Amino acid sequence: MPALLKVLLLALVLPAAAYDLRFRRVPNWLSVSGVVAGFAANLILFGWPGLTAASFGLLCSLAVYVPLYLIRGMGAGDVKLMAAVGAMVGASQWLGIFLITAILGGIVALAVVAWKKRVHETLFNLAVISVELVHF
């Protein structure tokens, strides 16, 4: 990945993480800016193939995250943020980022559940999400 895309990606995800931790939401202006920057950077760096890669990255992220949003397993801000990440890095790089964030997010979630002593409530919520997935 070119240095410009790495810098843009960090400029997107670090403020998004800060906003999410503080306000429990990711602002739309940040996600939209990320999508625009991703398309522009890929077009400048790689021409039309870069624009195609950015499009597939955005679509790939939406294909994974929109169903999670629909069953209330993910917030809309997360969906939009990952769409911006997909537009920046393309589909092939996005899949690796998705797997890393899923694993790290799961570890953090388990730590928070244990720390707040909400194991029973969390298991119930997981059961509801599982039922929603089966009956999509």
C-alpha atoms as a PDB file:
ATOM      1  CA  MET A   1       0.000   0.000   0.000  1.00  0.00           C
ATOM      2  CA  PRO A   2       1.443   3.406  -0.930  1.00  0.00           C
ATOM      3  CA  ALA A   3       2.457   5.765   1.875  1.00  0.00           C
ATOM      4  CA  LEU A   4      -0.271   8.263   0.905  1.00  0.00           C
ATOM      5  CA  LEU A   5      -2.999   5.675   1.495  1.00  0.00           C
ATOM      6  CA  LYS A   6      -1.448   4.668   4.828  1.00  0.00           C
ATOM      7  CA  VAL A   7      -1.413   8.301   5.963  1.00  0.00           C
ATOM      8  CA  LEU A   8      -5.018   8.826   4.823  1.00  0.00           C
ATOM      9  CA  LEU A   9      -6.097   5.626   6.550  1.00  0.00           C
ATOM     10  CA  LEU A  10      -4.527   6.716   9.841  1.00  0.00           C
ATOM     11  CA  ALA A  11      -6.031  10.193   9.420  1.00  0.00           C
ATOM     12  CA  LEU A  12      -9.416   8.479   9.142  1.00  0.00           C
ATOM     13  CA  VAL A  13      -9.328   5.776  11.789  1.00  0.00           C
ATOM     14  CA  LEU A  14      -7.545   7.595  14.626  1.00  0.00           C
ATOM     15  CA  PRO A  15     -10.092  10.442  14.883  1.00  0.00           C
ATOM     16  CA  ALA A  16     -12.897   7.927  14.330  1.00  0.00           C
ATOM     17  CA  ALA A  17     -11.643   5.842  17.253  1.00  0.00           C
ATOM     18  CA  ALA A  18     -11.377   8.933  19.439  1.00  0.00           C
ATOM     19  CA  TYR A  19     -14.917  10.051  18.572  1.00  0.00           C
ATOM     20  CA  ASP A  20     -16.269   6.542  19.063  1.00  0.00           C
ATOM     21  CA  LEU A  21     -14.652   6.172  22.472  1.00  0.00           C
ATOM     22  CA  ARG A  22     -15.785   9.588  23.660  1.00  0.00           C
ATOM     23  CA  PHE A  23     -19.235   9.991  22.081  1.00  0.00           C
ATOM     24  CA  ARG A  24     -20.148   6.373  21.113  1.00  0.00           C
ATOM     25  CA  ARG A  25     -20.627   7.435  17.482  1.00  0.00           C
ATOM     26  CA  VAL A  26     -18.612   8.098  14.345  1.00  0.00           C
ATOM     27  CA  PRO A  27     -19.502  11.417  12.693  1.00  0.00           C
ATOM     28  CA  ASN A  28     -20.820  11.333   9.119  1.00  0.00           C
ATOM     29  CA  TRP A  29     -18.450  14.084   7.992  1.00  0.00           C
ATOM     30  CA  LEU A  30     -15.523  11.852   8.856  1.00  0.00           C
ATOM     31  CA  SER A  31     -16.866   8.811   7.004  1.00  0.00           C
ATOM     32  CA  VAL A  32     -17.887  10.815   3.933  1.00  0.00           C
ATOM     33  CA  SER A  33     -14.495  12.547   3.892  1.00  0.00           C
ATOM     34  CA  GLY A  34     -12.851   9.127   4.051  1.00  0.00           C
ATOM     35  CA  VAL A  35     -14.836   7.833   1.081  1.00  0.00           C
ATOM     36  CA  VAL A  36     -14.058  10.928  -1.000  1.00  0.00           C
ATOM     37  CA  ALA A  37     -10.363  10.840  -0.016  1.00  0.00           C
ATOM     38  CA  GLY A  38     -10.184   7.121  -0.798  1.00  0.00           C
ATOM     39  CA  PHE A  39     -11.658   7.522  -4.266  1.00  0.00           C
ATOM     40  CA  ALA A  40      -9.532  10.600  -5.007  1.00  0.00           C
ATOM     41  CA  ALA A  41      -6.273   9.057  -3.781  1.00  0.00           C
ATOM     42  CA  ASN A  42      -6.825   5.831  -5.683  1.00  0.00           C
ATOM     43  CA  LEU A  43      -7.691   7.753  -8.841  1.00  0.00           C
ATOM     44  CA  ILE A  44      -4.584   9.939  -8.509  1.00  0.00           C
ATOM     45  CA  LEU A  45      -2.240   7.054  -7.660  1.00  0.00           C
ATOM     46  CA  PHE A  46      -3.565   4.343  -9.976  1.00  0.00           C
ATOM     47  CA  GLY A  47      -5.879   6.000 -12.509  1.00  0.00           C
ATOM     48  CA  TRP A  48      -9.103   4.273 -13.526  1.00  0.00           C
ATOM     49  CA  PRO A  49      -8.030   0.880 -12.126  1.00  0.00           C
ATOM     50  CA  GLY A  50      -7.607   2.618  -8.755  1.00  0.00           C
ATOM     51  CA  LEU A  51     -11.120   3.980  -8.994  1.00  0.00           C
ATOM     52  CA  THR A  52     -12.366   0.464  -9.734  1.00  0.00           C
ATOM     53  CA  ALA A  53     -10.433  -0.931  -6.763  1.00  0.00           C
ATOM     54  CA  ALA A  54     -11.875   1.752  -4.482  1.00  0.00           C
ATOM     55  CA  SER A  55     -15.379   0.950  -5.709  1.00  0.00           C
ATOM     56  CA  PHE A  56     -14.942  -2.774  -5.060  1.00  0.00           C
ATOM     57  CA  GLY A  57     -13.499  -2.045  -1.614  1.00  0.00           C
ATOM     58  CA  LEU A  58     -16.512   0.088  -0.732  1.00  0.00           C
ATOM     59  CA  LEU A  59     -18.964  -2.500  -2.078  1.00  0.00           C
ATOM     60  CA  CYS A  60     -17.181  -5.365  -0.317  1.00  0.00           C
ATOM     61  CA  SER A  61     -17.375  -3.579   3.014  1.00  0.00           C
ATOM     62  CA  LEU A  62     -21.045  -2.761   2.532  1.00  0.00           C
ATOM     63  CA  ALA A  63     -21.800  -6.374   1.581  1.00  0.00           C
ATOM     64  CA  VAL A  64     -20.357  -7.548   4.907  1.00  0.00           C
ATOM     65  CA  TYR A  65     -21.459  -4.754   7.249  1.00  0.00           C
ATOM     66  CA  VAL A  66     -24.973  -3.857   6.051  1.00  0.00           C
ATOM     67  CA  PRO A  67     -26.379  -7.295   6.996  1.00  0.00           C
ATOM     68  CA  LEU A  68     -24.741  -6.933  10.419  1.00  0.00           C
ATOM     69  CA  TYR A  69     -26.362  -3.519  10.774  1.00  0.00           C
ATOM     70  CA  LEU A  70     -29.750  -4.894   9.721  1.00  0.00           C
ATOM     71  CA  ILE A  71     -29.690  -7.476  12.503  1.00  0.00           C
ATOM     72  CA  ARG A  72     -28.494  -4.803  14.955  1.00  0.00           C
ATOM     73  CA  GLY A  73     -25.089  -6.384  15.396  1.00  0.00           C
ATOM     74  CA  MET A  74     -23.310  -3.248  14.210  1.00  0.00           C
ATOM     75  CA  GLY A  75     -23.944   0.483  14.318  1.00  0.00           C
ATOM     76  CA  ALA A  76     -24.487   2.602  11.212  1.00  0.00           C
ATOM     77  CA  GLY A  77     -21.366   4.654  11.972  1.00  0.00           C
ATOM     78  CA  ASP A  78     -19.255   1.493  11.889  1.00  0.00           C
ATOM     79  CA  VAL A  79     -20.759   0.540   8.526  1.00  0.00           C
ATOM     80  CA  LYS A  80     -19.971   3.943   7.037  1.00  0.00           C
ATOM     81  CA  LEU A  81     -16.489   4.013   8.525  1.00  0.00           C
ATOM     82  CA  MET A  82     -15.611   0.609   7.100  1.00  0.00           C
ATOM     83  CA  ALA A  83     -17.030   1.679   3.725  1.00  0.00           C
ATOM     84  CA  ALA A  84     -14.545   4.563   3.815  1.00  0.00           C
ATOM     85  CA  VAL A  85     -11.737   2.161   4.735  1.00  0.00           C
ATOM     86  CA  GLY A  86     -12.765  -0.070   1.831  1.00  0.00           C
ATOM     87  CA  ALA A  87     -12.707   2.898  -0.554  1.00  0.00           C
ATOM     88  CA  MET A  88      -9.185   3.723   0.603  1.00  0.00           C
ATOM     89  CA  VAL A  89      -7.575   0.301   0.529  1.00  0.00           C
ATOM     90  CA  GLY A  90      -9.615  -1.692  -2.008  1.00  0.00           C
ATOM     91  CA  ALA A  91     -11.277  -5.071  -1.589  1.00  0.00           C
ATOM     92  CA  SER A  92      -8.158  -7.234  -1.262  1.00  0.00           C
ATOM     93  CA  GLN A  93      -6.579  -5.120   1.493  1.00  0.00           C
ATOM     94  CA  TRP A  94      -9.945  -4.515   3.145  1.00  0.00           C
ATOM     95  CA  LEU A  95     -10.486  -8.199   3.867  1.00  0.00           C
ATOM     96  CA  GLY A  96      -7.304  -8.369   5.941  1.00  0.00           C
ATOM     97  CA  ILE A  97      -8.248  -5.194   7.820  1.00  0.00           C
ATOM     98  CA  PHE A  98     -11.727  -6.631   8.443  1.00  0.00           C
ATOM     99  CA  LEU A  99     -10.278  -9.834   9.919  1.00  0.00           C
ATOM    100  CA  ILE A 100      -7.827  -7.966  12.149  1.00  0.00           C
ATOM    101  CA  THR A 101     -10.487  -5.552  13.423  1.00  0.00           C
ATOM    102  CA  ALA A 102     -12.925  -8.407  14.016  1.00  0.00           C
ATOM    103  CA  ILE A 103     -10.382 -10.325  16.101  1.00  0.00           C
ATOM    104  CA  LEU A 104      -9.196  -7.283  18.056  1.00  0.00           C
ATOM    105  CA  GLY A 105     -12.765  -6.062  18.524  1.00  0.00           C
ATOM    106  CA  GLY A 106     -13.759  -9.470  19.857  1.00  0.00           C
ATOM    107  CA  ILE A 107     -10.898  -9.490  22.349  1.00  0.00           C
ATOM    108  CA  VAL A 108     -11.758  -5.986  23.562  1.00  0.00           C
ATOM    109  CA  ALA A 109     -15.453  -6.887  23.765  1.00  0.00           C
ATOM    110  CA  LEU A 110     -14.708  -9.958  25.891  1.00  0.00           C
ATOM    111  CA  ALA A 111     -12.559  -7.868  28.215  1.00  0.00           C
ATOM    112  CA  VAL A 112     -15.293  -5.235  28.603  1.00  0.00           C
ATOM    113  CA  VAL A 113     -17.971  -7.886  29.218  1.00  0.00           C
ATOM    114  CA  ALA A 114     -15.830  -9.495  31.907  1.00  0.00           C
ATOM    115  CA  TRP A 115     -14.900  -6.155  33.474  1.00  0.00           C
ATOM    116  CA  LYS A 116     -18.521  -4.944  33.623  1.00  0.00           C
ATOM    117  CA  LYS A 117     -19.775  -8.374  34.702  1.00  0.00           C
ATOM    118  CA  ARG A 118     -22.376  -8.572  31.925  1.00  0.00           C
ATOM    119  CA  VAL A 119     -21.818 -12.126  30.735  1.00  0.00           C
ATOM    120  CA  HIS A 120     -25.486 -13.149  31.073  1.00  0.00           C
ATOM    121  CA  GLU A 121     -26.792 -10.068  29.234  1.00  0.00           C
ATOM    122  CA  THR A 122     -24.185 -10.469  26.492  1.00  0.00           C
ATOM    123  CA  LEU A 123     -25.010 -14.146  25.947  1.00  0.00           C
ATOM    124  CA  PHE A 124     -28.682 -13.225  25.646  1.00  0.00           C
ATOM    125  CA  ASN A 125     -27.851 -10.539  23.058  1.00  0.00           C
ATOM    126  CA  LEU A 126     -25.732 -13.029  21.099  1.00  0.00           C
ATOM    127  CA  ALA A 127     -28.654 -15.455  21.087  1.00  0.00           C
ATOM    128  CA  VAL A 128     -30.954 -12.739  19.709  1.00  0.00           C
ATOM    129  CA  ILE A 129     -28.439 -11.861  16.976  1.00  0.00           C
ATOM    130  CA  SER A 130     -28.048 -15.557  16.099  1.00  0.00           C
ATOM    131  CA  VAL A 131     -31.805 -15.990  15.774  1.00  0.00           C
ATOM    132  CA  GLU A 132     -31.962 -12.880  13.562  1.00  0.00           C
ATOM    133  CA  LEU A 133     -29.203 -14.296  11.352  1.00  0.00           C
ATOM    134  CA  VAL A 134     -31.044 -17.582  10.938  1.00  0.00           C
ATOM    135  CA  HIS A 135     -34.322 -15.813  10.086  1.00  0.00           C
ATOM    136  CA  PHE A 136     -32.762 -12.964   8.107  1.00  0.00           C
END
